[in-house]
């Protein structure tokens, strides 16, 4: 399991492809398209379980093409990284006051707050085992196309830090997207947030200042550091679909495996509280 951390090189750019290295998802306009999964209405725990179930399918060879999707939590929910220590990153009393559940995702990185107005996006793809891409290349290959699609939608967004997208606004760069990944030998799950019409003040109430941060944050608090895209969910979805050429829609998803993962992991205190 890989964890996203702040990079010493905090400037945007595309990581170089190593000799023989290939990536499994197509560029926008490619005749070989990803699939767009029409995500069912589900709890946050079920959505996280679906990401992992799709990763398992890709790793086992049962998912031949990249699967792309978006979803949104119906209520405020705190999602910690796979190795996050809850009490270091989260104000439990504040969460209890607004009845925000604390759940743990399968990928690395720091804690995020979800809820209405925060669009979640995921890409699950098989990886070539003969020449797997580097972690830096994966970050670039997923975030650069999305930044380009958001720019086409009218928002001056670029990749910052290791796995952020930031919007240039009012003379500052403010984070609109935080992302994380989980890599298995033959597949990758890449997922994250796209703040669009979110209550940013809620983040400062529920989360402590993060234990580590990218250089471009410069010590700013959550309210001064975060911003909304203000595009609307339809436009955000279109940007995600455009970024990964997800032209073909599908509705099949692993219902039974998702239920098992929720029961065994995502709704289980032993998983969610394992690093208090």
C-alpha atoms as a PDB file:
ATOM      1  CA  UNK A   1       0.000   0.000   0.000  1.00  0.00           C
ATOM      2  CA  UNK A   2       1.500   3.327  -1.043  1.00  0.00           C
ATOM      3  CA  UNK A   3       1.013   6.590   0.792  1.00  0.00           C
ATOM      4  CA  UNK A   4       1.057  10.041  -0.764  1.00  0.00           C
ATOM      5  CA  UNK A   5       3.419  12.492   0.910  1.00  0.00           C
ATOM      6  CA  UNK A   6       4.495  16.045   0.261  1.00  0.00           C
ATOM      7  CA  UNK A   7       7.133  16.236  -2.416  1.00  0.00           C
ATOM      8  CA  UNK A   8      10.397  18.124  -2.113  1.00  0.00           C
ATOM      9  CA  UNK A   9       9.904  19.219  -5.709  1.00  0.00           C
ATOM     10  CA  UNK A  10       6.761  21.276  -5.342  1.00  0.00           C
ATOM     11  CA  UNK A  11       6.477  22.520  -8.901  1.00  0.00           C
ATOM     12  CA  UNK A  12       4.094  21.013 -11.448  1.00  0.00           C
ATOM     13  CA  UNK A  13       5.220  18.880 -14.329  1.00  0.00           C
ATOM     14  CA  UNK A  14       4.971  15.498 -15.924  1.00  0.00           C
ATOM     15  CA  UNK A  15       7.185  12.703 -14.713  1.00  0.00           C
ATOM     16  CA  UNK A  16       9.290  11.084 -17.379  1.00  0.00           C
ATOM     17  CA  UNK A  17       8.302   7.709 -18.799  1.00  0.00           C
ATOM     18  CA  UNK A  18      10.937   5.050 -18.312  1.00  0.00           C
ATOM     19  CA  UNK A  19      12.113   2.995 -21.305  1.00  0.00           C
ATOM     20  CA  UNK A  20       9.491   0.390 -22.157  1.00  0.00           C
ATOM     21  CA  UNK A  21       6.980   1.855 -19.716  1.00  0.00           C
ATOM     22  CA  UNK A  22       3.339   2.005 -20.789  1.00  0.00           C
ATOM     23  CA  UNK A  23       0.151   3.182 -19.146  1.00  0.00           C
ATOM     24  CA  UNK A  24      -3.179   1.388 -19.472  1.00  0.00           C
ATOM     25  CA  UNK A  25      -5.553   4.329 -19.802  1.00  0.00           C
ATOM     26  CA  UNK A  26      -6.020   6.286 -23.006  1.00  0.00           C
ATOM     27  CA  UNK A  27      -5.593   9.980 -23.557  1.00  0.00           C
ATOM     28  CA  UNK A  28      -8.665  12.042 -24.316  1.00  0.00           C
ATOM     29  CA  UNK A  29      -9.795  11.426 -27.878  1.00  0.00           C
ATOM     30  CA  UNK A  30      -8.201   7.986 -28.086  1.00  0.00           C
ATOM     31  CA  UNK A  31     -10.235   5.362 -29.965  1.00  0.00           C
ATOM     32  CA  UNK A  32      -9.641   2.961 -27.037  1.00  0.00           C
ATOM     33  CA  UNK A  33     -11.950   4.236 -24.284  1.00  0.00           C
ATOM     34  CA  UNK A  34     -12.210   3.672 -20.580  1.00  0.00           C
ATOM     35  CA  UNK A  35     -15.573   2.732 -19.104  1.00  0.00           C
ATOM     36  CA  UNK A  36     -17.710   5.098 -17.057  1.00  0.00           C
ATOM     37  CA  UNK A  37     -19.351   3.283 -14.153  1.00  0.00           C
ATOM     38  CA  UNK A  38     -22.755   4.688 -13.279  1.00  0.00           C
ATOM     39  CA  UNK A  39     -22.337   4.483  -9.530  1.00  0.00           C
ATOM     40  CA  UNK A  40     -25.258   3.261  -7.448  1.00  0.00           C
ATOM     41  CA  UNK A  41     -26.633   5.263  -4.538  1.00  0.00           C
ATOM     42  CA  UNK A  42     -24.647   3.971  -1.584  1.00  0.00           C
ATOM     43  CA  UNK A  43     -23.109   4.831   1.763  1.00  0.00           C
ATOM     44  CA  UNK A  44     -19.533   6.081   2.009  1.00  0.00           C
ATOM     45  CA  UNK A  45     -18.546   2.664   3.368  1.00  0.00           C
ATOM     46  CA  UNK A  46     -20.070   0.974   0.310  1.00  0.00           C
ATOM     47  CA  UNK A  47     -18.367   3.430  -2.043  1.00  0.00           C
ATOM     48  CA  UNK A  48     -14.952   2.717  -0.500  1.00  0.00           C
ATOM     49  CA  UNK A  49     -15.667  -1.002  -0.676  1.00  0.00           C
ATOM     50  CA  UNK A  50     -16.582  -0.626  -4.355  1.00  0.00           C
ATOM     51  CA  UNK A  51     -13.232   1.035  -5.064  1.00  0.00           C
ATOM     52  CA  UNK A  52     -11.443  -1.904  -3.447  1.00  0.00           C
ATOM     53  CA  UNK A  53     -13.614  -4.497  -5.182  1.00  0.00           C
ATOM     54  CA  UNK A  54     -12.823  -2.926  -8.551  1.00  0.00           C
ATOM     55  CA  UNK A  55      -9.109  -2.907  -7.664  1.00  0.00           C
ATOM     56  CA  UNK A  56      -9.285  -6.615  -6.861  1.00  0.00           C
ATOM     57  CA  UNK A  57     -11.006  -7.297 -10.176  1.00  0.00           C
ATOM     58  CA  UNK A  58      -8.366  -5.364 -12.116  1.00  0.00           C
ATOM     59  CA  UNK A  59      -5.520  -7.064 -10.277  1.00  0.00           C
ATOM     60  CA  UNK A  60      -7.001 -10.521 -10.899  1.00  0.00           C
ATOM     61  CA  UNK A  61      -7.509  -9.861 -14.614  1.00  0.00           C
ATOM     62  CA  UNK A  62     -11.299  -9.588 -14.422  1.00  0.00           C
ATOM     63  CA  UNK A  63     -11.272  -5.903 -15.355  1.00  0.00           C
ATOM     64  CA  UNK A  64      -9.599  -5.477 -18.715  1.00  0.00           C
ATOM     65  CA  UNK A  65     -10.107  -1.736 -19.227  1.00  0.00           C
ATOM     66  CA  UNK A  66      -9.912   1.230 -16.833  1.00  0.00           C
ATOM     67  CA  UNK A  67     -13.054   1.962 -14.831  1.00  0.00           C
ATOM     68  CA  UNK A  68     -13.829   5.620 -14.104  1.00  0.00           C
ATOM     69  CA  UNK A  69     -16.546   6.968 -11.820  1.00  0.00           C
ATOM     70  CA  UNK A  70     -17.670   9.796  -9.555  1.00  0.00           C
ATOM     71  CA  UNK A  71     -19.881   9.875  -6.491  1.00  0.00           C
ATOM     72  CA  UNK A  72     -20.892  12.178  -3.648  1.00  0.00           C
ATOM     73  CA  UNK A  73     -21.503  11.575   0.045  1.00  0.00           C
ATOM     74  CA  UNK A  74     -24.967  12.529   1.218  1.00  0.00           C
ATOM     75  CA  UNK A  75     -23.815  13.756   4.629  1.00  0.00           C
ATOM     76  CA  UNK A  76     -20.585  14.980   6.253  1.00  0.00           C
ATOM     77  CA  UNK A  77     -18.182  12.079   6.679  1.00  0.00           C
ATOM     78  CA  UNK A  78     -14.529  12.039   7.722  1.00  0.00           C
ATOM     79  CA  UNK A  79     -12.355   9.626   5.736  1.00  0.00           C
ATOM     80  CA  UNK A  80      -8.894   8.862   7.116  1.00  0.00           C
ATOM     81  CA  UNK A  81      -5.996   7.369   5.172  1.00  0.00           C
ATOM     82  CA  UNK A  82      -5.074   3.729   5.524  1.00  0.00           C
ATOM     83  CA  UNK A  83      -2.290   4.527   7.999  1.00  0.00           C
ATOM     84  CA  UNK A  84      -3.602   7.779   9.491  1.00  0.00           C
ATOM     85  CA  UNK A  85      -3.737   8.155  13.258  1.00  0.00           C
ATOM     86  CA  UNK A  86      -7.219   9.480  13.927  1.00  0.00           C
ATOM     87  CA  UNK A  87      -6.494  11.534  17.037  1.00  0.00           C
ATOM     88  CA  UNK A  88      -3.569  13.243  15.312  1.00  0.00           C
ATOM     89  CA  UNK A  89      -5.672  14.419  12.366  1.00  0.00           C
ATOM     90  CA  UNK A  90      -9.308  14.502  13.537  1.00  0.00           C
ATOM     91  CA  UNK A  91     -11.293  16.316  16.235  1.00  0.00           C
ATOM     92  CA  UNK A  92     -13.533  13.506  17.460  1.00  0.00           C
ATOM     93  CA  UNK A  93     -15.719  15.750  19.621  1.00  0.00           C
ATOM     94  CA  UNK A  94     -16.432  18.055  16.701  1.00  0.00           C
ATOM     95  CA  UNK A  95     -17.317  15.049  14.532  1.00  0.00           C
ATOM     96  CA  UNK A  96     -19.707  13.742  17.188  1.00  0.00           C
ATOM     97  CA  UNK A  97     -21.360  17.156  17.428  1.00  0.00           C
ATOM     98  CA  UNK A  98     -22.359  17.075  13.749  1.00  0.00           C
ATOM     99  CA  UNK A  99     -22.772  13.278  13.641  1.00  0.00           C
ATOM    100  CA  UNK A 100     -19.990  12.857  11.111  1.00  0.00           C
ATOM    101  CA  UNK A 101     -18.833   9.246  10.908  1.00  0.00           C
ATOM    102  CA  UNK A 102     -15.123   8.457  10.781  1.00  0.00           C
ATOM    103  CA  UNK A 103     -14.218   5.739   8.272  1.00  0.00           C
ATOM    104  CA  UNK A 104     -10.935   4.489   6.840  1.00  0.00           C
ATOM    105  CA  UNK A 105     -10.138   4.121   3.128  1.00  0.00           C
ATOM    106  CA  UNK A 106      -7.803   1.566   1.499  1.00  0.00           C
ATOM    107  CA  UNK A 107      -5.339   4.157   0.151  1.00  0.00           C
ATOM    108  CA  UNK A 108      -2.687   6.303   1.795  1.00  0.00           C
ATOM    109  CA  UNK A 109      -2.571  10.028   2.351  1.00  0.00           C
ATOM    110  CA  UNK A 110      -4.134  12.296   4.944  1.00  0.00           C
ATOM    111  CA  UNK A 111      -7.677  12.753   6.201  1.00  0.00           C
ATOM    112  CA  UNK A 112     -10.411  14.413   4.131  1.00  0.00           C
ATOM    113  CA  UNK A 113     -13.960  15.531   4.835  1.00  0.00           C
ATOM    114  CA  UNK A 114     -16.687  14.512   2.389  1.00  0.00           C
ATOM    115  CA  UNK A 115     -20.250  15.660   1.983  1.00  0.00           C
ATOM    116  CA  UNK A 116     -22.629  17.448  -0.372  1.00  0.00           C
ATOM    117  CA  UNK A 117     -20.715  19.592  -2.843  1.00  0.00           C
ATOM    118  CA  UNK A 118     -17.556  17.450  -2.723  1.00  0.00           C
ATOM    119  CA  UNK A 119     -17.367  15.253  -5.834  1.00  0.00           C
ATOM    120  CA  UNK A 120     -15.364  12.063  -5.352  1.00  0.00           C
ATOM    121  CA  UNK A 121     -13.644  10.570  -8.392  1.00  0.00           C
ATOM    122  CA  UNK A 122     -11.970   7.198  -8.911  1.00  0.00           C
ATOM    123  CA  UNK A 123      -9.972   5.476 -11.620  1.00  0.00           C
ATOM    124  CA  UNK A 124      -9.195   1.778 -11.340  1.00  0.00           C
ATOM    125  CA  UNK A 125      -6.947   0.320 -14.020  1.00  0.00           C
ATOM    126  CA  UNK A 126      -4.844  -2.754 -14.735  1.00  0.00           C
ATOM    127  CA  UNK A 127      -1.084  -2.146 -14.816  1.00  0.00           C
ATOM    128  CA  UNK A 128       1.545  -3.726 -17.062  1.00  0.00           C
ATOM    129  CA  UNK A 129       3.546  -6.095 -14.890  1.00  0.00           C
ATOM    130  CA  UNK A 130       6.565  -6.182 -17.213  1.00  0.00           C
ATOM    131  CA  UNK A 131       7.249  -2.424 -16.963  1.00  0.00           C
ATOM    132  CA  UNK A 132       5.119  -0.956 -14.153  1.00  0.00           C
ATOM    133  CA  UNK A 133       5.044   2.835 -13.990  1.00  0.00           C
ATOM    134  CA  UNK A 134       6.714   4.627 -11.111  1.00  0.00           C
ATOM    135  CA  UNK A 135       4.605   6.214  -8.385  1.00  0.00           C
ATOM    136  CA  UNK A 136       5.580   9.692  -9.595  1.00  0.00           C
ATOM    137  CA  UNK A 137       4.498   8.735 -13.104  1.00  0.00           C
ATOM    138  CA  UNK A 138       1.154   7.480 -11.824  1.00  0.00           C
ATOM    139  CA  UNK A 139       0.479  10.778 -10.056  1.00  0.00           C
ATOM    140  CA  UNK A 140       1.344  12.714 -13.202  1.00  0.00           C
ATOM    141  CA  UNK A 141      -0.537  10.413 -15.563  1.00  0.00           C
ATOM    142  CA  UNK A 142      -3.763  10.689 -13.546  1.00  0.00           C
ATOM    143  CA  UNK A 143      -3.665  14.312 -12.459  1.00  0.00           C
ATOM    144  CA  UNK A 144      -2.291  16.062 -15.542  1.00  0.00           C
ATOM    145  CA  UNK A 145      -5.200  14.969 -17.805  1.00  0.00           C
ATOM    146  CA  UNK A 146      -7.710  15.953 -15.138  1.00  0.00           C
ATOM    147  CA  UNK A 147      -6.083  19.358 -14.690  1.00  0.00           C
ATOM    148  CA  UNK A 148      -6.209  19.861 -18.464  1.00  0.00           C
ATOM    149  CA  UNK A 149      -9.898  18.933 -18.586  1.00  0.00           C
ATOM    150  CA  UNK A 150     -10.707  21.351 -15.756  1.00  0.00           C
ATOM    151  CA  UNK A 151      -8.773  24.067 -17.574  1.00  0.00           C
ATOM    152  CA  UNK A 152     -10.945  23.418 -20.629  1.00  0.00           C
ATOM    153  CA  UNK A 153     -13.948  23.896 -18.326  1.00  0.00           C
ATOM    154  CA  UNK A 154     -12.671  27.346 -17.408  1.00  0.00           C
ATOM    155  CA  UNK A 155     -10.764  26.765 -14.181  1.00  0.00           C
ATOM    156  CA  UNK A 156      -6.978  27.497 -14.065  1.00  0.00           C
ATOM    157  CA  UNK A 157      -6.032  24.322 -12.223  1.00  0.00           C
ATOM    158  CA  UNK A 158      -2.602  22.711 -12.074  1.00  0.00           C
ATOM    159  CA  UNK A 159      -0.887  19.874 -10.236  1.00  0.00           C
ATOM    160  CA  UNK A 160       0.870  20.860  -7.029  1.00  0.00           C
ATOM    161  CA  UNK A 161       2.712  18.999  -4.331  1.00  0.00           C
ATOM    162  CA  UNK A 162       2.655  15.259  -4.834  1.00  0.00           C
ATOM    163  CA  UNK A 163      -1.035  14.646  -5.461  1.00  0.00           C
ATOM    164  CA  UNK A 164      -2.991  17.905  -5.240  1.00  0.00           C
ATOM    165  CA  UNK A 165      -4.761  20.036  -7.814  1.00  0.00           C
ATOM    166  CA  UNK A 166      -4.719  23.747  -7.018  1.00  0.00           C
ATOM    167  CA  UNK A 167      -6.687  26.686  -8.384  1.00  0.00           C
ATOM    168  CA  UNK A 168      -5.011  30.032  -8.958  1.00  0.00           C
ATOM    169  CA  UNK A 169      -7.409  32.502  -7.355  1.00  0.00           C
ATOM    170  CA  UNK A 170      -6.947  35.951  -5.883  1.00  0.00           C
ATOM    171  CA  UNK A 171      -3.186  35.796  -6.297  1.00  0.00           C
ATOM    172  CA  UNK A 172      -2.955  32.532  -4.332  1.00  0.00           C
ATOM    173  CA  UNK A 173      -2.979  28.843  -5.169  1.00  0.00           C
ATOM    174  CA  UNK A 174      -5.743  27.090  -3.281  1.00  0.00           C
ATOM    175  CA  UNK A 175      -6.310  23.364  -3.180  1.00  0.00           C
ATOM    176  CA  UNK A 176      -9.418  22.030  -4.903  1.00  0.00           C
ATOM    177  CA  UNK A 177      -8.456  18.346  -5.053  1.00  0.00           C
ATOM    178  CA  UNK A 178      -6.558  15.968  -2.798  1.00  0.00           C
ATOM    179  CA  UNK A 179      -5.814  12.456  -4.031  1.00  0.00           C
ATOM    180  CA  UNK A 180      -4.380   9.124  -2.986  1.00  0.00           C
ATOM    181  CA  UNK A 181      -3.562   5.781  -4.538  1.00  0.00           C
ATOM    182  CA  UNK A 182      -3.213   2.138  -3.745  1.00  0.00           C
ATOM    183  CA  UNK A 183      -0.982   0.076  -5.994  1.00  0.00           C
ATOM    184  CA  UNK A 184      -1.059  -3.695  -6.346  1.00  0.00           C
ATOM    185  CA  UNK A 185       1.282  -5.663  -8.575  1.00  0.00           C
ATOM    186  CA  UNK A 186      -1.081  -5.631 -11.560  1.00  0.00           C
ATOM    187  CA  UNK A 187      -3.492  -2.765 -10.860  1.00  0.00           C
ATOM    188  CA  UNK A 188      -3.877   0.706  -9.395  1.00  0.00           C
ATOM    189  CA  UNK A 189      -6.670   2.519  -7.580  1.00  0.00           C
ATOM    190  CA  UNK A 190      -6.424   6.307  -7.802  1.00  0.00           C
ATOM    191  CA  UNK A 191      -9.119   8.366  -6.114  1.00  0.00           C
ATOM    192  CA  UNK A 192      -9.716  11.712  -4.495  1.00  0.00           C
ATOM    193  CA  UNK A 193     -11.794  14.797  -3.927  1.00  0.00           C
ATOM    194  CA  UNK A 194     -12.963  17.599  -6.196  1.00  0.00           C
ATOM    195  CA  UNK A 195     -14.324  20.461  -4.095  1.00  0.00           C
ATOM    196  CA  UNK A 196     -17.087  22.124  -6.061  1.00  0.00           C
ATOM    197  CA  UNK A 197     -19.765  23.581  -3.764  1.00  0.00           C
ATOM    198  CA  UNK A 198     -18.560  22.282  -0.413  1.00  0.00           C
ATOM    199  CA  UNK A 199     -18.830  23.826   3.053  1.00  0.00           C
ATOM    200  CA  UNK A 200     -15.102  24.484   3.438  1.00  0.00           C
ATOM    201  CA  UNK A 201     -15.577  25.810   6.968  1.00  0.00           C
ATOM    202  CA  UNK A 202     -16.591  22.290   7.997  1.00  0.00           C
ATOM    203  CA  UNK A 203     -13.067  21.032   7.276  1.00  0.00           C
ATOM    204  CA  UNK A 204     -11.538  23.408   9.814  1.00  0.00           C
ATOM    205  CA  UNK A 205     -14.093  22.382  12.416  1.00  0.00           C
ATOM    206  CA  UNK A 206     -13.590  18.636  12.027  1.00  0.00           C
ATOM    207  CA  UNK A 207      -9.883  18.323  11.198  1.00  0.00           C
ATOM    208  CA  UNK A 208      -6.729  19.430  12.960  1.00  0.00           C
ATOM    209  CA  UNK A 209      -3.901  21.060  11.037  1.00  0.00           C
ATOM    210  CA  UNK A 210      -2.291  18.199   9.096  1.00  0.00           C
ATOM    211  CA  UNK A 211       0.912  16.645  10.450  1.00  0.00           C
ATOM    212  CA  UNK A 212       2.610  17.229   7.102  1.00  0.00           C
ATOM    213  CA  UNK A 213       1.864  19.516   4.179  1.00  0.00           C
ATOM    214  CA  UNK A 214       3.156  20.465   0.714  1.00  0.00           C
ATOM    215  CA  UNK A 215       5.386  23.521   0.544  1.00  0.00           C
ATOM    216  CA  UNK A 216       2.830  25.570  -1.399  1.00  0.00           C
ATOM    217  CA  UNK A 217       0.419  25.433   1.563  1.00  0.00           C
ATOM    218  CA  UNK A 218       2.839  27.651   3.526  1.00  0.00           C
ATOM    219  CA  UNK A 219       1.208  26.921   6.871  1.00  0.00           C
ATOM    220  CA  UNK A 220      -2.237  28.210   5.866  1.00  0.00           C
ATOM    221  CA  UNK A 221      -5.266  26.999   7.800  1.00  0.00           C
ATOM    222  CA  UNK A 222      -7.942  24.961   6.032  1.00  0.00           C
ATOM    223  CA  UNK A 223     -10.181  27.939   5.263  1.00  0.00           C
ATOM    224  CA  UNK A 224      -7.324  29.894   3.673  1.00  0.00           C
ATOM    225  CA  UNK A 225      -5.943  26.916   1.787  1.00  0.00           C
ATOM    226  CA  UNK A 226      -9.034  25.291   0.231  1.00  0.00           C
ATOM    227  CA  UNK A 227     -11.326  26.540  -2.544  1.00  0.00           C
ATOM    228  CA  UNK A 228     -14.322  25.360  -4.569  1.00  0.00           C
ATOM    229  CA  UNK A 229     -14.363  24.893  -8.330  1.00  0.00           C
ATOM    230  CA  UNK A 230     -17.944  26.196  -8.562  1.00  0.00           C
ATOM    231  CA  UNK A 231     -18.613  24.366 -11.822  1.00  0.00           C
ATOM    232  CA  UNK A 232     -21.557  22.165 -10.851  1.00  0.00           C
ATOM    233  CA  UNK A 233     -21.528  18.383 -10.659  1.00  0.00           C
ATOM    234  CA  UNK A 234     -22.501  17.892 -14.308  1.00  0.00           C
ATOM    235  CA  UNK A 235     -19.480  19.896 -15.479  1.00  0.00           C
ATOM    236  CA  UNK A 236     -17.167  18.174 -12.998  1.00  0.00           C
ATOM    237  CA  UNK A 237     -18.349  14.754 -14.152  1.00  0.00           C
ATOM    238  CA  UNK A 238     -17.803  15.800 -17.753  1.00  0.00           C
ATOM    239  CA  UNK A 239     -14.238  16.879 -16.953  1.00  0.00           C
ATOM    240  CA  UNK A 240     -13.468  13.510 -15.336  1.00  0.00           C
ATOM    241  CA  UNK A 241     -14.952  11.604 -18.267  1.00  0.00           C
ATOM    242  CA  UNK A 242     -13.026  13.756 -20.738  1.00  0.00           C
ATOM    243  CA  UNK A 243      -9.730  13.341 -18.882  1.00  0.00           C
ATOM    244  CA  UNK A 244      -9.846   9.552 -19.163  1.00  0.00           C
ATOM    245  CA  UNK A 245     -11.834   9.105 -22.387  1.00  0.00           C
ATOM    246  CA  UNK A 246     -14.597   7.333 -20.465  1.00  0.00           C
ATOM    247  CA  UNK A 247     -17.105   7.343 -23.300  1.00  0.00           C
ATOM    248  CA  UNK A 248     -18.812   4.010 -22.646  1.00  0.00           C
ATOM    249  CA  UNK A 249     -21.194   3.797 -19.680  1.00  0.00           C
ATOM    250  CA  UNK A 250     -21.850   0.619 -17.713  1.00  0.00           C
ATOM    251  CA  UNK A 251     -23.883  -0.287 -14.638  1.00  0.00           C
ATOM    252  CA  UNK A 252     -22.444  -3.664 -13.591  1.00  0.00           C
ATOM    253  CA  UNK A 253     -20.670  -3.665 -10.248  1.00  0.00           C
ATOM    254  CA  UNK A 254     -19.658  -6.428  -7.806  1.00  0.00           C
ATOM    255  CA  UNK A 255     -22.605  -6.271  -5.410  1.00  0.00           C
ATOM    256  CA  UNK A 256     -21.716  -9.368  -3.385  1.00  0.00           C
ATOM    257  CA  UNK A 257     -18.048  -8.476  -2.943  1.00  0.00           C
ATOM    258  CA  UNK A 258     -18.925  -4.925  -1.905  1.00  0.00           C
ATOM    259  CA  UNK A 259     -21.263  -6.265   0.799  1.00  0.00           C
ATOM    260  CA  UNK A 260     -18.512  -8.588   2.054  1.00  0.00           C
ATOM    261  CA  UNK A 261     -15.944  -5.785   2.211  1.00  0.00           C
ATOM    262  CA  UNK A 262     -18.334  -3.494   4.074  1.00  0.00           C
ATOM    263  CA  UNK A 263     -19.041  -6.198   6.639  1.00  0.00           C
ATOM    264  CA  UNK A 264     -15.429  -7.319   7.023  1.00  0.00           C
ATOM    265  CA  UNK A 265     -13.711  -3.953   6.826  1.00  0.00           C
ATOM    266  CA  UNK A 266     -15.373  -0.620   6.135  1.00  0.00           C
ATOM    267  CA  UNK A 267     -18.145  -0.890   8.742  1.00  0.00           C
ATOM    268  CA  UNK A 268     -15.925  -2.729  11.225  1.00  0.00           C
ATOM    269  CA  UNK A 269     -14.426  -0.879  14.223  1.00  0.00           C
ATOM    270  CA  UNK A 270     -11.339  -3.111  14.021  1.00  0.00           C
ATOM    271  CA  UNK A 271     -10.542  -1.544  10.617  1.00  0.00           C
ATOM    272  CA  UNK A 272     -11.679   2.025  11.174  1.00  0.00           C
ATOM    273  CA  UNK A 273     -10.113   2.395  14.639  1.00  0.00           C
ATOM    274  CA  UNK A 274      -6.934   0.420  14.024  1.00  0.00           C
ATOM    275  CA  UNK A 275      -4.744   3.540  14.301  1.00  0.00           C
ATOM    276  CA  UNK A 276      -6.442   5.716  16.890  1.00  0.00           C
END
